[in-house]
N, C-alpha and C. Protein backbone atom coordinates (compact mmCIF):
# COMPACT_ATOMS: atom_id res chain seq x y z
N MET A 1 4.55 -53.62 -20.14
CA MET A 1 4.63 -52.80 -18.95
C MET A 1 5.29 -51.47 -19.26
N SER A 2 4.84 -50.49 -18.62
CA SER A 2 5.37 -49.15 -18.82
C SER A 2 6.62 -48.96 -17.98
N SER A 3 7.59 -48.26 -18.55
CA SER A 3 8.82 -47.98 -17.80
C SER A 3 8.73 -46.67 -17.04
N GLU A 4 7.57 -46.01 -17.11
CA GLU A 4 7.38 -44.75 -16.40
C GLU A 4 7.34 -45.01 -14.90
N THR A 5 7.87 -44.05 -14.15
CA THR A 5 7.78 -44.18 -12.70
C THR A 5 6.38 -43.78 -12.27
N ASN A 6 5.97 -44.34 -11.19
CA ASN A 6 4.63 -44.09 -10.68
C ASN A 6 4.66 -42.82 -9.82
N THR A 7 4.51 -41.65 -10.46
CA THR A 7 4.48 -40.40 -9.71
C THR A 7 3.05 -40.00 -9.44
N GLN A 8 2.86 -39.45 -8.28
CA GLN A 8 1.51 -39.05 -7.89
C GLN A 8 1.17 -37.71 -8.52
N LYS A 9 0.10 -37.70 -9.31
CA LYS A 9 -0.36 -36.47 -9.94
C LYS A 9 -1.36 -35.79 -9.00
N PRO A 10 -1.39 -34.46 -9.06
CA PRO A 10 -2.35 -33.77 -8.19
C PRO A 10 -3.79 -34.20 -8.51
N ASN A 11 -4.54 -34.40 -7.48
CA ASN A 11 -5.94 -34.75 -7.61
C ASN A 11 -6.72 -33.46 -7.89
N ILE A 12 -7.51 -33.44 -8.95
CA ILE A 12 -8.24 -32.23 -9.35
C ILE A 12 -9.21 -31.77 -8.27
N PHE A 13 -9.82 -32.68 -7.57
CA PHE A 13 -10.78 -32.32 -6.52
C PHE A 13 -10.06 -31.72 -5.30
N LYS A 14 -8.92 -32.30 -4.96
CA LYS A 14 -8.14 -31.76 -3.85
C LYS A 14 -7.61 -30.37 -4.23
N SER A 15 -7.15 -30.21 -5.47
CA SER A 15 -6.67 -28.91 -5.94
C SER A 15 -7.80 -27.89 -5.92
N PHE A 16 -8.98 -28.29 -6.35
CA PHE A 16 -10.14 -27.40 -6.36
C PHE A 16 -10.49 -26.98 -4.94
N ALA A 17 -10.56 -27.93 -4.02
CA ALA A 17 -10.90 -27.62 -2.63
C ALA A 17 -9.87 -26.68 -2.01
N THR A 18 -8.60 -26.94 -2.29
CA THR A 18 -7.54 -26.08 -1.77
C THR A 18 -7.67 -24.67 -2.32
N ALA A 19 -7.97 -24.55 -3.61
CA ALA A 19 -8.14 -23.24 -4.24
C ALA A 19 -9.31 -22.48 -3.61
N VAL A 20 -10.43 -23.16 -3.42
CA VAL A 20 -11.61 -22.52 -2.83
C VAL A 20 -11.30 -22.05 -1.41
N ILE A 21 -10.64 -22.89 -0.64
CA ILE A 21 -10.31 -22.53 0.74
C ILE A 21 -9.34 -21.35 0.77
N ALA A 22 -8.31 -21.39 -0.08
CA ALA A 22 -7.33 -20.30 -0.12
C ALA A 22 -7.99 -18.98 -0.50
N ILE A 23 -8.85 -19.01 -1.50
CA ILE A 23 -9.53 -17.79 -1.94
C ILE A 23 -10.46 -17.28 -0.85
N ALA A 24 -11.15 -18.18 -0.16
CA ALA A 24 -12.04 -17.78 0.93
C ALA A 24 -11.25 -17.13 2.07
N VAL A 25 -10.11 -17.73 2.42
CA VAL A 25 -9.28 -17.17 3.49
C VAL A 25 -8.77 -15.78 3.09
N ILE A 26 -8.31 -15.65 1.85
CA ILE A 26 -7.83 -14.35 1.37
C ILE A 26 -8.96 -13.32 1.38
N ALA A 27 -10.14 -13.72 0.97
CA ALA A 27 -11.29 -12.80 0.97
C ALA A 27 -11.61 -12.33 2.38
N VAL A 28 -11.56 -13.23 3.35
CA VAL A 28 -11.83 -12.87 4.74
C VAL A 28 -10.75 -11.91 5.25
N ILE A 29 -9.51 -12.19 4.91
CA ILE A 29 -8.42 -11.30 5.33
C ILE A 29 -8.60 -9.91 4.71
N MET A 30 -8.95 -9.86 3.43
CA MET A 30 -9.14 -8.58 2.76
C MET A 30 -10.30 -7.81 3.40
N ALA A 31 -11.38 -8.51 3.71
CA ALA A 31 -12.52 -7.87 4.37
C ALA A 31 -12.11 -7.35 5.74
N GLY A 32 -11.33 -8.13 6.47
CA GLY A 32 -10.85 -7.71 7.78
C GLY A 32 -9.96 -6.48 7.71
N LEU A 33 -9.08 -6.46 6.73
CA LEU A 33 -8.24 -5.27 6.55
C LEU A 33 -9.09 -4.04 6.27
N GLY A 34 -10.09 -4.21 5.42
CA GLY A 34 -11.00 -3.11 5.11
C GLY A 34 -11.75 -2.63 6.33
N LEU A 35 -12.18 -3.57 7.17
CA LEU A 35 -12.93 -3.20 8.38
C LEU A 35 -12.10 -2.37 9.35
N VAL A 36 -10.80 -2.66 9.41
CA VAL A 36 -9.95 -1.89 10.33
C VAL A 36 -9.28 -0.70 9.65
N GLY A 37 -9.67 -0.44 8.40
CA GLY A 37 -9.19 0.74 7.70
C GLY A 37 -7.81 0.62 7.07
N LEU A 38 -7.37 -0.60 6.83
CA LEU A 38 -6.06 -0.78 6.20
C LEU A 38 -6.24 -1.10 4.72
N PRO A 39 -5.32 -0.63 3.90
CA PRO A 39 -5.41 -0.94 2.46
C PRO A 39 -5.09 -2.41 2.22
N THR A 40 -5.70 -2.97 1.21
CA THR A 40 -5.46 -4.38 0.91
C THR A 40 -4.29 -4.58 -0.05
N TRP A 41 -3.96 -3.56 -0.83
CA TRP A 41 -2.95 -3.76 -1.86
C TRP A 41 -1.57 -4.15 -1.34
N PRO A 42 -1.04 -3.63 -0.20
CA PRO A 42 0.27 -4.10 0.25
C PRO A 42 0.24 -5.59 0.63
N TYR A 43 -0.86 -6.01 1.24
CA TYR A 43 -1.02 -7.41 1.62
C TYR A 43 -1.01 -8.29 0.36
N ILE A 44 -1.79 -7.88 -0.64
CA ILE A 44 -1.89 -8.65 -1.88
C ILE A 44 -0.55 -8.65 -2.63
N PHE A 45 0.13 -7.52 -2.67
CA PHE A 45 1.44 -7.47 -3.33
C PHE A 45 2.39 -8.48 -2.70
N PHE A 46 2.45 -8.49 -1.35
CA PHE A 46 3.37 -9.42 -0.68
C PHE A 46 2.91 -10.85 -0.89
N LEU A 47 1.62 -11.10 -0.78
CA LEU A 47 1.07 -12.44 -1.01
C LEU A 47 1.47 -12.93 -2.41
N PHE A 48 1.27 -12.10 -3.42
CA PHE A 48 1.64 -12.48 -4.79
C PHE A 48 3.13 -12.75 -4.89
N TYR A 49 3.95 -11.81 -4.43
CA TYR A 49 5.40 -11.97 -4.55
C TYR A 49 5.88 -13.22 -3.83
N PHE A 50 5.48 -13.35 -2.58
CA PHE A 50 6.04 -14.42 -1.76
C PHE A 50 5.58 -15.80 -2.20
N THR A 51 4.34 -15.93 -2.68
CA THR A 51 3.86 -17.24 -3.10
C THR A 51 4.30 -17.62 -4.50
N THR A 52 4.56 -16.66 -5.36
CA THR A 52 4.91 -16.99 -6.74
C THR A 52 6.39 -16.80 -7.03
N ILE A 53 6.89 -15.61 -6.90
CA ILE A 53 8.28 -15.33 -7.26
C ILE A 53 9.25 -15.93 -6.24
N ALA A 54 8.97 -15.77 -4.96
CA ALA A 54 9.85 -16.30 -3.92
C ALA A 54 9.56 -17.76 -3.57
N ASN A 55 8.50 -18.32 -4.12
CA ASN A 55 8.13 -19.72 -3.88
C ASN A 55 8.05 -20.08 -2.39
N MET A 56 7.62 -19.12 -1.59
CA MET A 56 7.46 -19.29 -0.14
C MET A 56 8.72 -19.83 0.53
N ALA A 57 9.87 -19.42 0.01
CA ALA A 57 11.15 -19.85 0.58
C ALA A 57 11.40 -19.12 1.89
N LYS A 58 11.57 -19.90 2.93
CA LYS A 58 11.76 -19.33 4.28
C LYS A 58 12.87 -18.29 4.31
N GLU A 59 13.97 -18.59 3.63
CA GLU A 59 15.12 -17.68 3.66
C GLU A 59 14.85 -16.35 2.94
N LYS A 60 13.78 -16.29 2.16
CA LYS A 60 13.46 -15.05 1.44
C LYS A 60 12.43 -14.19 2.17
N LEU A 61 11.82 -14.71 3.23
CA LEU A 61 10.76 -13.98 3.92
C LEU A 61 11.23 -12.64 4.47
N TRP A 62 12.26 -12.64 5.29
CA TRP A 62 12.68 -11.40 5.94
C TRP A 62 13.40 -10.48 4.97
N ILE A 63 14.07 -11.04 3.97
CA ILE A 63 14.69 -10.22 2.93
C ILE A 63 13.59 -9.45 2.18
N ALA A 64 12.53 -10.17 1.81
CA ALA A 64 11.41 -9.52 1.11
C ALA A 64 10.70 -8.51 2.01
N ALA A 65 10.58 -8.83 3.29
CA ALA A 65 9.92 -7.92 4.22
C ALA A 65 10.70 -6.60 4.32
N ILE A 66 12.01 -6.70 4.50
CA ILE A 66 12.83 -5.48 4.59
C ILE A 66 12.83 -4.75 3.25
N GLY A 67 12.93 -5.51 2.16
CA GLY A 67 12.86 -4.90 0.84
C GLY A 67 11.54 -4.19 0.62
N GLY A 68 10.47 -4.78 1.12
CA GLY A 68 9.15 -4.16 1.02
C GLY A 68 9.09 -2.84 1.77
N VAL A 69 9.65 -2.81 2.96
CA VAL A 69 9.69 -1.57 3.75
C VAL A 69 10.48 -0.51 2.99
N ILE A 70 11.60 -0.91 2.42
CA ILE A 70 12.43 0.04 1.67
C ILE A 70 11.66 0.53 0.43
N GLY A 71 11.09 -0.39 -0.32
CA GLY A 71 10.35 -0.02 -1.53
C GLY A 71 9.18 0.90 -1.23
N LEU A 72 8.41 0.57 -0.18
CA LEU A 72 7.30 1.44 0.21
C LEU A 72 7.81 2.81 0.66
N SER A 73 8.85 2.81 1.47
CA SER A 73 9.35 4.07 2.01
C SER A 73 9.87 5.00 0.92
N VAL A 74 10.62 4.43 -0.03
CA VAL A 74 11.11 5.27 -1.13
C VAL A 74 9.94 5.76 -1.97
N SER A 75 8.97 4.90 -2.20
CA SER A 75 7.80 5.29 -3.00
C SER A 75 7.01 6.42 -2.35
N PHE A 76 6.92 6.41 -1.04
CA PHE A 76 6.17 7.43 -0.31
C PHE A 76 7.03 8.66 0.02
N SER A 77 8.34 8.58 -0.18
CA SER A 77 9.25 9.61 0.30
C SER A 77 8.96 11.00 -0.27
N GLN A 78 8.61 11.09 -1.53
CA GLN A 78 8.36 12.41 -2.12
C GLN A 78 7.24 13.13 -1.38
N GLY A 79 6.13 12.45 -1.17
CA GLY A 79 5.01 13.07 -0.47
C GLY A 79 5.31 13.39 0.98
N ILE A 80 6.02 12.48 1.65
CA ILE A 80 6.34 12.70 3.07
C ILE A 80 7.30 13.88 3.23
N VAL A 81 8.34 13.92 2.40
CA VAL A 81 9.30 15.03 2.48
C VAL A 81 8.61 16.35 2.11
N THR A 82 7.77 16.32 1.09
CA THR A 82 7.03 17.52 0.70
C THR A 82 6.16 18.01 1.85
N LEU A 83 5.51 17.09 2.55
CA LEU A 83 4.66 17.45 3.68
C LEU A 83 5.45 18.17 4.77
N PHE A 84 6.63 17.64 5.10
CA PHE A 84 7.42 18.22 6.18
C PHE A 84 8.19 19.47 5.78
N THR A 85 8.60 19.55 4.51
CA THR A 85 9.39 20.72 4.09
C THR A 85 8.54 21.79 3.42
N ARG A 86 7.32 21.43 3.06
CA ARG A 86 6.41 22.32 2.32
C ARG A 86 7.01 22.74 0.97
N SER A 87 7.86 21.85 0.43
CA SER A 87 8.50 22.16 -0.85
C SER A 87 8.42 20.92 -1.75
N GLU A 88 7.65 21.03 -2.82
CA GLU A 88 7.56 19.92 -3.77
C GLU A 88 8.90 19.65 -4.44
N THR A 89 9.68 20.69 -4.66
CA THR A 89 11.00 20.53 -5.27
C THR A 89 11.90 19.70 -4.36
N THR A 90 11.91 20.02 -3.07
CA THR A 90 12.72 19.25 -2.12
C THR A 90 12.24 17.80 -2.07
N GLY A 91 10.93 17.62 -2.04
CA GLY A 91 10.38 16.27 -2.03
C GLY A 91 10.82 15.48 -3.25
N PHE A 92 10.77 16.10 -4.42
CA PHE A 92 11.17 15.42 -5.64
C PHE A 92 12.67 15.11 -5.63
N ILE A 93 13.48 16.06 -5.18
CA ILE A 93 14.94 15.85 -5.16
C ILE A 93 15.29 14.70 -4.21
N VAL A 94 14.69 14.68 -3.03
CA VAL A 94 14.95 13.59 -2.08
C VAL A 94 14.52 12.25 -2.68
N PHE A 95 13.35 12.21 -3.29
CA PHE A 95 12.87 10.99 -3.94
C PHE A 95 13.85 10.54 -5.02
N LEU A 96 14.28 11.46 -5.86
CA LEU A 96 15.21 11.14 -6.94
C LEU A 96 16.53 10.60 -6.40
N VAL A 97 17.06 11.24 -5.37
CA VAL A 97 18.31 10.78 -4.75
C VAL A 97 18.13 9.37 -4.18
N LEU A 98 17.00 9.12 -3.53
CA LEU A 98 16.75 7.79 -2.97
C LEU A 98 16.62 6.73 -4.06
N VAL A 99 15.98 7.06 -5.16
CA VAL A 99 15.86 6.11 -6.27
C VAL A 99 17.23 5.82 -6.87
N ILE A 100 18.03 6.86 -7.05
CA ILE A 100 19.39 6.66 -7.59
C ILE A 100 20.21 5.80 -6.63
N LEU A 101 20.10 6.07 -5.33
CA LEU A 101 20.80 5.26 -4.34
C LEU A 101 20.33 3.81 -4.39
N LEU A 102 19.04 3.60 -4.50
CA LEU A 102 18.46 2.25 -4.56
C LEU A 102 18.97 1.49 -5.78
N VAL A 103 18.96 2.14 -6.93
CA VAL A 103 19.43 1.49 -8.16
C VAL A 103 20.94 1.24 -8.08
N THR A 104 21.68 2.17 -7.50
CA THR A 104 23.12 1.98 -7.31
C THR A 104 23.39 0.75 -6.45
N LEU A 105 22.68 0.64 -5.35
CA LEU A 105 22.85 -0.52 -4.46
C LEU A 105 22.43 -1.82 -5.15
N LEU A 106 21.40 -1.76 -5.97
CA LEU A 106 20.97 -2.93 -6.74
C LEU A 106 22.09 -3.37 -7.69
N LEU A 107 22.62 -2.43 -8.43
CA LEU A 107 23.68 -2.75 -9.39
C LEU A 107 24.95 -3.21 -8.69
N GLU A 108 25.23 -2.64 -7.53
CA GLU A 108 26.42 -3.02 -6.76
C GLU A 108 26.31 -4.47 -6.30
N GLY A 109 25.11 -4.90 -5.96
CA GLY A 109 24.83 -6.31 -5.74
C GLY A 109 25.06 -6.91 -4.37
N ARG A 110 25.54 -6.17 -3.42
CA ARG A 110 25.80 -6.76 -2.10
C ARG A 110 24.62 -6.66 -1.14
N TRP A 111 23.63 -5.88 -1.47
CA TRP A 111 22.50 -5.65 -0.58
C TRP A 111 21.35 -6.56 -0.98
N LYS A 112 21.20 -7.68 -0.29
CA LYS A 112 20.16 -8.65 -0.63
C LYS A 112 18.75 -8.08 -0.48
N VAL A 113 18.58 -7.10 0.39
CA VAL A 113 17.24 -6.56 0.62
C VAL A 113 16.75 -5.68 -0.53
N ILE A 114 17.66 -5.27 -1.39
CA ILE A 114 17.24 -4.56 -2.60
C ILE A 114 16.88 -5.68 -3.59
N ASP A 115 15.77 -6.30 -3.33
CA ASP A 115 15.34 -7.51 -4.03
C ASP A 115 14.20 -7.19 -4.99
N PRO A 116 13.73 -8.19 -5.72
CA PRO A 116 12.63 -7.94 -6.66
C PRO A 116 11.38 -7.34 -6.02
N PHE A 117 11.07 -7.71 -4.78
CA PHE A 117 9.88 -7.16 -4.14
C PHE A 117 10.04 -5.66 -3.89
N CYS A 118 11.20 -5.26 -3.44
CA CYS A 118 11.50 -3.85 -3.23
C CYS A 118 11.28 -3.07 -4.53
N LEU A 119 11.83 -3.59 -5.61
CA LEU A 119 11.73 -2.91 -6.90
C LEU A 119 10.33 -2.99 -7.49
N LEU A 120 9.63 -4.08 -7.22
CA LEU A 120 8.25 -4.21 -7.68
C LEU A 120 7.39 -3.11 -7.06
N LEU A 121 7.53 -2.92 -5.77
CA LEU A 121 6.76 -1.86 -5.10
C LEU A 121 7.14 -0.49 -5.63
N LEU A 122 8.43 -0.23 -5.75
CA LEU A 122 8.88 1.06 -6.24
C LEU A 122 8.36 1.32 -7.64
N THR A 123 8.46 0.34 -8.51
CA THR A 123 8.02 0.50 -9.89
C THR A 123 6.51 0.72 -9.98
N CYS A 124 5.76 -0.08 -9.24
CA CYS A 124 4.30 0.02 -9.32
C CYS A 124 3.76 1.28 -8.66
N LEU A 125 4.41 1.76 -7.63
CA LEU A 125 3.86 2.89 -6.87
C LEU A 125 4.35 4.25 -7.33
N THR A 126 5.39 4.28 -8.13
CA THR A 126 6.02 5.56 -8.47
C THR A 126 5.08 6.57 -9.10
N ASN A 127 4.24 6.18 -10.02
CA ASN A 127 3.42 7.17 -10.71
C ASN A 127 1.93 6.97 -10.51
N ILE A 128 1.53 6.40 -9.40
CA ILE A 128 0.11 6.24 -9.14
C ILE A 128 -0.33 7.41 -8.26
N THR A 129 -0.97 8.36 -8.85
CA THR A 129 -1.40 9.55 -8.13
C THR A 129 -2.40 9.20 -7.03
N GLY A 130 -2.16 9.72 -5.86
CA GLY A 130 -3.08 9.52 -4.75
C GLY A 130 -2.77 8.33 -3.87
N LEU A 131 -2.16 7.30 -4.41
CA LEU A 131 -1.91 6.08 -3.63
C LEU A 131 -0.82 6.29 -2.59
N THR A 132 0.16 7.11 -2.93
CA THR A 132 1.29 7.30 -2.02
C THR A 132 1.22 8.63 -1.26
N GLN A 133 0.01 9.03 -0.91
CA GLN A 133 -0.15 10.22 -0.08
C GLN A 133 0.42 9.92 1.31
N PRO A 134 1.05 10.89 1.95
CA PRO A 134 1.66 10.66 3.26
C PRO A 134 0.74 10.01 4.29
N VAL A 135 -0.55 10.35 4.28
CA VAL A 135 -1.47 9.78 5.27
C VAL A 135 -1.67 8.27 5.05
N ALA A 136 -1.33 7.77 3.89
CA ALA A 136 -1.52 6.35 3.59
C ALA A 136 -0.29 5.51 3.93
N TYR A 137 0.81 6.16 4.32
CA TYR A 137 2.07 5.44 4.57
C TYR A 137 1.96 4.43 5.71
N LEU A 138 1.56 4.88 6.87
CA LEU A 138 1.49 3.96 8.02
C LEU A 138 0.46 2.84 7.83
N PRO A 139 -0.73 3.13 7.29
CA PRO A 139 -1.65 2.02 7.01
C PRO A 139 -1.07 1.02 6.00
N ALA A 140 -0.35 1.50 5.00
CA ALA A 140 0.26 0.59 4.02
C ALA A 140 1.33 -0.27 4.70
N MET A 141 2.11 0.34 5.59
CA MET A 141 3.13 -0.42 6.33
C MET A 141 2.48 -1.46 7.23
N ALA A 142 1.37 -1.11 7.87
CA ALA A 142 0.67 -2.05 8.74
C ALA A 142 0.14 -3.24 7.93
N SER A 143 -0.40 -2.97 6.76
CA SER A 143 -0.91 -4.05 5.90
C SER A 143 0.23 -4.95 5.45
N LEU A 144 1.36 -4.36 5.08
CA LEU A 144 2.54 -5.15 4.69
C LEU A 144 3.01 -5.99 5.87
N ALA A 145 3.07 -5.40 7.05
CA ALA A 145 3.51 -6.12 8.25
C ALA A 145 2.60 -7.31 8.54
N LEU A 146 1.30 -7.12 8.41
CA LEU A 146 0.36 -8.23 8.64
C LEU A 146 0.56 -9.35 7.62
N SER A 147 0.87 -9.00 6.40
CA SER A 147 1.13 -10.00 5.37
C SER A 147 2.38 -10.80 5.71
N VAL A 148 3.44 -10.11 6.09
CA VAL A 148 4.69 -10.78 6.46
C VAL A 148 4.45 -11.70 7.66
N LEU A 149 3.72 -11.19 8.66
CA LEU A 149 3.44 -12.01 9.84
C LEU A 149 2.60 -13.24 9.49
N THR A 150 1.65 -13.08 8.57
CA THR A 150 0.85 -14.22 8.12
C THR A 150 1.74 -15.31 7.55
N PHE A 151 2.66 -14.92 6.67
CA PHE A 151 3.51 -15.93 6.05
C PHE A 151 4.57 -16.47 7.01
N ALA A 152 5.00 -15.67 7.97
CA ALA A 152 5.91 -16.18 9.00
C ALA A 152 5.19 -17.26 9.81
N ALA A 153 3.92 -17.03 10.12
CA ALA A 153 3.13 -18.03 10.85
C ALA A 153 2.92 -19.29 10.01
N ILE A 154 2.62 -19.12 8.74
CA ILE A 154 2.42 -20.27 7.85
C ILE A 154 3.69 -21.10 7.77
N ILE A 155 4.83 -20.44 7.64
CA ILE A 155 6.11 -21.16 7.58
C ILE A 155 6.37 -21.89 8.89
N ALA A 156 6.13 -21.23 10.01
CA ALA A 156 6.36 -21.86 11.32
C ALA A 156 5.46 -23.08 11.50
N LEU A 157 4.19 -22.95 11.13
CA LEU A 157 3.26 -24.08 11.26
C LEU A 157 3.65 -25.22 10.33
N THR A 158 4.07 -24.89 9.13
CA THR A 158 4.49 -25.91 8.16
C THR A 158 5.72 -26.65 8.66
N GLU A 159 6.68 -25.91 9.20
CA GLU A 159 7.88 -26.55 9.73
C GLU A 159 7.56 -27.44 10.92
N ARG A 160 6.68 -26.97 11.78
CA ARG A 160 6.29 -27.76 12.96
C ARG A 160 5.60 -29.04 12.52
N SER A 161 4.71 -28.93 11.55
CA SER A 161 4.00 -30.10 11.03
C SER A 161 4.97 -31.08 10.39
N ALA A 162 5.93 -30.57 9.63
CA ALA A 162 6.92 -31.44 8.99
C ALA A 162 7.78 -32.14 10.04
N ALA A 163 8.13 -31.41 11.11
CA ALA A 163 8.94 -32.00 12.17
C ALA A 163 8.17 -33.11 12.88
N LYS A 164 6.88 -32.90 13.12
CA LYS A 164 6.06 -33.94 13.76
C LYS A 164 5.96 -35.17 12.88
N LYS A 165 5.78 -34.97 11.57
CA LYS A 165 5.71 -36.10 10.66
C LYS A 165 7.02 -36.87 10.66
N MET A 166 8.14 -36.16 10.72
CA MET A 166 9.45 -36.79 10.72
C MET A 166 9.64 -37.61 11.99
N ASP A 167 9.10 -37.12 13.10
CA ASP A 167 9.22 -37.84 14.37
C ASP A 167 8.41 -39.13 14.37
N THR A 168 7.34 -39.18 13.57
CA THR A 168 6.49 -40.36 13.57
C THR A 168 6.91 -41.41 12.55
N VAL A 169 7.88 -41.09 11.69
CA VAL A 169 8.35 -42.05 10.69
C VAL A 169 9.41 -42.93 11.33
N PRO A 170 9.18 -44.25 11.37
CA PRO A 170 10.14 -45.16 11.97
C PRO A 170 11.47 -45.12 11.21
N GLY A 171 12.56 -45.09 11.97
CA GLY A 171 13.88 -45.12 11.36
C GLY A 171 14.36 -43.78 10.87
N LYS A 172 13.56 -42.74 11.00
CA LYS A 172 13.97 -41.40 10.57
C LYS A 172 14.19 -40.54 11.80
N GLU A 173 15.33 -39.90 11.82
CA GLU A 173 15.62 -38.99 12.92
C GLU A 173 15.88 -37.60 12.36
N ARG A 174 15.46 -36.61 13.14
CA ARG A 174 15.73 -35.23 12.73
C ARG A 174 17.20 -34.94 12.94
N GLN A 175 17.73 -34.10 12.09
CA GLN A 175 19.15 -33.72 12.21
C GLN A 175 19.27 -32.41 12.89
């Protein structure tokens, strides 16, 4: 007899079906964003970060959301300030000051919202010409907001489902 514990391994067919469904849902969401004129990249960035790096941890959702807003805003700041001041030098100086402030707060360590997602956005968007044009700021924020709301809904549904399962298990009470 084997002394191994009987752990349930993932079923390849169930994993395949889940993957196909997840990809189909993401494709529909991306198509929907495109139809309403929103960029897909902020949604995908948050989806990637939250499902892989943050492991869909409920306590990291709003931290990542705020960090995302900060990362996007700093990334777009040079173009936005340049637009309003009509000075590329002023736009660059404001951007540089904001980046220095962001890195200072990161190193200082007390600001949880200066998280990996914030820095991922800042790093990826800093030198991509055309992506951070001022006219793209609000659509990018809307796409990010929809992504955060999607995962907030998924977490709420998952918690509700878990609570119902706990209520149906004899001898188990919710705390």
